[in-house]
Amino acid sequence: MSRRLAKRWISAEEYEHMGEAGIFGMDARLELIEGEIYEKSPIGSPHAACVAFLSMFITQLFGNKLIVWTQNPIRLNDFSEPQPDVAVIRWRDDFYRHAHPQPADVLLLIEVADTTAHTDRTVKIPLYAKAGIGEAWLVDIASGLIEVYADPSADGAYQTVNRFKRGDAARSRALTDLTVSVADVLG
């Protein structure tokens, strides 16, 4: 009788304990997606500049009304803890010191992609929809686009997708005061 190998998923709690125990290298860029640990791509200069611009722009726009959470974990469920490039989350005086933000805390997630647009579009964006994140953006540097995803459904799809190109201003549905020039974001 042949026996199949069983895959064992890693929970977000186990993943965090592994990090606290020093199992991952100091410079490891990892994230937990549906029970599996994935290595993140290195960050190039255009990607870093885009993240820095968005973080600064959104912080200046909203001041201390919201928290701009840059490249930090979001606990989507018991088996997924991605690190989106920028998350705009509800204000808490403790700055989420005792637990990572969860979907109910997230107003907007932004992924910036120079080489990972396909993976972000087919893996991470559906993961955010499935978790009930109301709005997610994909800044696709190579294509010169900002894709705004809204109206998530439980099957892992966003019902509304708007694409903005250079010359356009990308507009958030969740944060009505957030409108930004695509050219400014892309540089």
Protein backbone atom coordinates (compact mmCIF):
# COMPACT_ATOMS: atom_id res chain seq x y z
CA MET A 1 0.00 0.00 0.00
CA SER A 2 1.50 3.32 -1.02
CA ARG A 3 1.27 6.25 1.30
CA ARG A 4 0.99 9.85 0.15
CA LEU A 5 3.09 12.53 1.73
CA ALA A 6 1.05 14.91 3.83
CA LYS A 7 1.75 18.58 3.60
CA ARG A 8 1.84 20.45 6.89
CA TRP A 9 0.75 24.06 6.84
CA ILE A 10 2.49 26.58 9.08
CA SER A 11 0.17 28.77 11.11
CA ALA A 12 0.74 32.50 11.50
CA GLU A 13 1.36 31.95 15.20
CA GLU A 14 4.05 29.32 14.48
CA TYR A 15 5.58 31.57 11.82
CA GLU A 16 5.85 34.45 14.30
CA HIS A 17 7.40 32.15 16.94
CA MET A 18 9.94 30.95 14.36
CA GLY A 19 10.90 34.57 13.67
CA GLU A 20 11.17 35.38 17.38
CA ALA A 21 13.38 32.30 17.89
CA GLY A 22 15.81 33.54 15.21
CA ILE A 23 15.19 30.68 12.79
CA PHE A 24 15.18 33.07 9.84
CA GLY A 25 18.26 35.10 9.00
CA MET A 26 18.39 38.74 10.09
CA ASP A 27 18.03 39.96 6.51
CA ALA A 28 15.41 37.39 5.47
CA ARG A 29 12.54 38.94 3.52
CA LEU A 30 9.74 36.45 4.00
CA GLU A 31 5.98 36.33 4.16
CA LEU A 32 3.45 33.65 5.01
CA ILE A 33 0.88 32.94 2.30
CA GLU A 34 -1.73 30.26 2.91
CA GLY A 35 0.47 28.27 5.28
CA GLU A 36 3.64 28.43 3.18
CA ILE A 37 6.67 30.66 3.65
CA TYR A 38 7.72 32.60 0.56
CA GLU A 39 10.85 34.61 -0.03
CA LYS A 40 10.19 38.14 -1.20
CA SER A 41 12.02 39.62 -4.17
CA PRO A 42 14.82 42.13 -3.57
CA ILE A 43 13.69 45.74 -3.67
CA GLY A 44 15.04 47.79 -6.56
CA SER A 45 15.40 51.58 -6.54
CA PRO A 46 12.19 52.34 -8.51
CA HIS A 47 10.21 50.08 -6.15
CA ALA A 48 11.75 51.64 -3.03
CA ALA A 49 11.15 55.18 -4.31
CA CYS A 50 7.52 54.39 -5.13
CA VAL A 51 6.90 52.95 -1.64
CA ALA A 52 8.62 55.93 0.00
CA PHE A 53 6.57 58.38 -2.08
CA LEU A 54 3.26 56.68 -1.30
CA SER A 55 4.06 56.40 2.41
CA MET A 56 4.98 60.08 2.65
CA PHE A 57 2.07 61.27 0.48
CA ILE A 58 -0.56 59.34 2.44
CA THR A 59 0.97 60.31 5.81
CA GLN A 60 0.93 64.00 4.84
CA LEU A 61 -2.64 63.69 3.60
CA PHE A 62 -4.10 62.03 6.69
CA GLY A 63 -1.70 63.09 9.44
CA ASN A 64 -2.39 61.29 12.68
CA LYS A 65 -5.90 60.16 11.75
CA LEU A 66 -4.67 56.88 10.25
CA ILE A 67 -1.50 54.78 10.42
CA VAL A 68 0.59 54.21 7.30
CA TRP A 69 2.03 50.72 7.85
CA THR A 70 4.99 50.27 5.50
CA GLN A 71 6.23 46.76 4.60
CA ASN A 72 4.92 45.33 7.88
CA PRO A 73 2.79 42.22 8.47
CA ILE A 74 -0.98 42.05 8.26
CA ARG A 75 -2.60 38.96 9.81
CA LEU A 76 -5.24 38.01 7.22
CA ASN A 77 -6.17 34.69 8.84
CA ASP A 78 -4.58 31.83 10.76
CA PHE A 79 -2.36 30.88 7.80
CA SER A 80 -1.54 34.12 5.96
CA GLU A 81 0.58 37.02 7.10
CA PRO A 82 1.75 38.95 4.04
CA GLN A 83 3.75 42.17 4.19
CA PRO A 84 2.18 44.56 1.69
CA ASP A 85 4.31 47.50 0.64
CA VAL A 86 1.90 50.04 2.12
CA ALA A 87 -1.16 49.51 4.31
CA VAL A 88 -3.40 52.26 5.55
CA ILE A 89 -4.88 51.09 8.82
CA ARG A 90 -7.16 52.42 11.52
CA TRP A 91 -5.56 54.55 14.21
CA ARG A 92 -4.70 52.85 17.49
CA ASP A 93 -2.80 54.59 20.27
CA ASP A 94 -0.66 51.49 20.84
CA PHE A 95 0.31 51.27 17.14
CA TYR A 96 -0.65 47.56 17.13
CA ARG A 97 2.11 46.80 19.65
CA HIS A 98 0.47 43.58 20.90
CA ALA A 99 -0.88 42.10 17.66
CA HIS A 100 -0.57 42.72 13.94
CA PRO A 101 -3.46 44.47 12.20
CA GLN A 102 -6.21 42.22 10.88
CA PRO A 103 -8.59 42.71 7.92
CA ALA A 104 -11.07 44.80 9.96
CA ASP A 105 -8.24 47.25 10.72
CA VAL A 106 -7.21 47.71 7.07
CA LEU A 107 -8.65 50.50 4.96
CA LEU A 108 -6.32 50.11 1.96
CA LEU A 109 -3.46 47.81 0.93
CA ILE A 110 -0.96 48.75 -1.76
CA GLU A 111 1.41 46.36 -3.51
CA VAL A 112 4.19 47.87 -5.62
CA ALA A 113 5.55 45.58 -8.32
CA ASP A 114 8.46 45.96 -10.66
CA THR A 115 9.04 42.23 -11.27
CA THR A 116 6.20 40.60 -9.30
CA ALA A 117 3.08 42.05 -10.93
CA HIS A 118 1.79 38.67 -12.15
CA THR A 119 2.20 37.04 -8.73
CA ASP A 120 0.70 40.03 -6.93
CA ARG A 121 -2.25 40.03 -9.34
CA THR A 122 -2.91 36.27 -9.21
CA VAL A 123 -1.94 35.40 -5.61
CA LYS A 124 -1.90 38.37 -3.27
CA ILE A 125 -4.79 40.46 -4.64
CA PRO A 126 -7.19 37.45 -4.53
CA LEU A 127 -5.93 36.65 -1.02
CA TYR A 128 -6.82 40.20 0.06
CA ALA A 129 -10.28 39.91 -1.51
CA LYS A 130 -10.90 36.58 0.21
CA ALA A 131 -9.94 38.17 3.56
CA GLY A 132 -12.47 40.95 2.96
CA ILE A 133 -9.99 43.81 2.51
CA GLY A 134 -12.21 46.52 1.04
CA GLU A 135 -9.66 47.99 -1.34
CA ALA A 136 -6.25 47.00 -2.71
CA TRP A 137 -4.01 48.76 -5.19
CA LEU A 138 -1.39 47.26 -7.46
CA VAL A 139 1.20 49.75 -8.68
CA ASP A 140 2.66 48.04 -11.74
CA ILE A 141 5.86 49.95 -12.44
CA ALA A 142 6.72 48.09 -15.68
CA SER A 143 3.28 48.72 -17.20
CA GLY A 144 2.98 52.26 -15.86
CA LEU A 145 -0.39 51.50 -14.25
CA ILE A 146 -2.13 51.68 -10.93
CA GLU A 147 -4.90 49.10 -10.62
CA VAL A 148 -7.52 49.82 -7.96
CA TYR A 149 -9.45 46.77 -6.74
CA ALA A 150 -12.66 47.20 -4.72
CA ASP A 151 -15.80 45.33 -3.66
CA PRO A 152 -14.28 42.01 -2.51
CA SER A 153 -16.17 38.75 -2.65
CA ALA A 154 -15.58 35.68 -0.48
CA ASP A 155 -14.45 33.64 -3.50
CA GLY A 156 -11.25 35.70 -3.74
CA ALA A 157 -12.17 38.19 -6.43
CA TYR A 158 -12.73 41.91 -6.48
CA GLN A 159 -15.90 42.92 -8.31
CA THR A 160 -14.56 46.32 -9.37
CA VAL A 161 -11.21 46.99 -11.03
CA ASN A 162 -10.17 50.41 -12.28
CA ARG A 163 -6.91 51.01 -14.14
CA PHE A 164 -5.17 54.37 -14.15
CA LYS A 165 -2.24 55.25 -16.41
CA ARG A 166 0.20 58.16 -16.65
CA GLY A 167 -1.80 61.33 -17.11
CA ASP A 168 -4.57 59.97 -14.84
CA ALA A 169 -5.13 60.43 -11.15
CA ALA A 170 -5.77 57.23 -9.20
CA ARG A 171 -8.68 57.59 -6.77
CA SER A 172 -9.43 55.55 -3.71
CA ARG A 173 -12.98 54.46 -3.05
CA ALA A 174 -12.29 53.62 0.59
CA LEU A 175 -10.44 56.85 1.40
CA THR A 176 -12.33 59.50 -0.53
CA ASP A 177 -9.67 62.16 0.14
CA LEU A 178 -6.99 60.05 -1.53
CA THR A 179 -6.35 61.02 -5.14
CA VAL A 180 -2.84 60.84 -6.52
CA SER A 181 -1.23 61.41 -9.91
CA VAL A 182 -0.01 58.18 -11.46
CA ALA A 183 2.99 60.07 -12.87
CA ASP A 184 3.91 61.29 -9.38
CA VAL A 185 3.70 57.75 -7.96
CA LEU A 186 5.78 56.24 -10.76
CA GLY A 187 8.27 59.12 -10.87
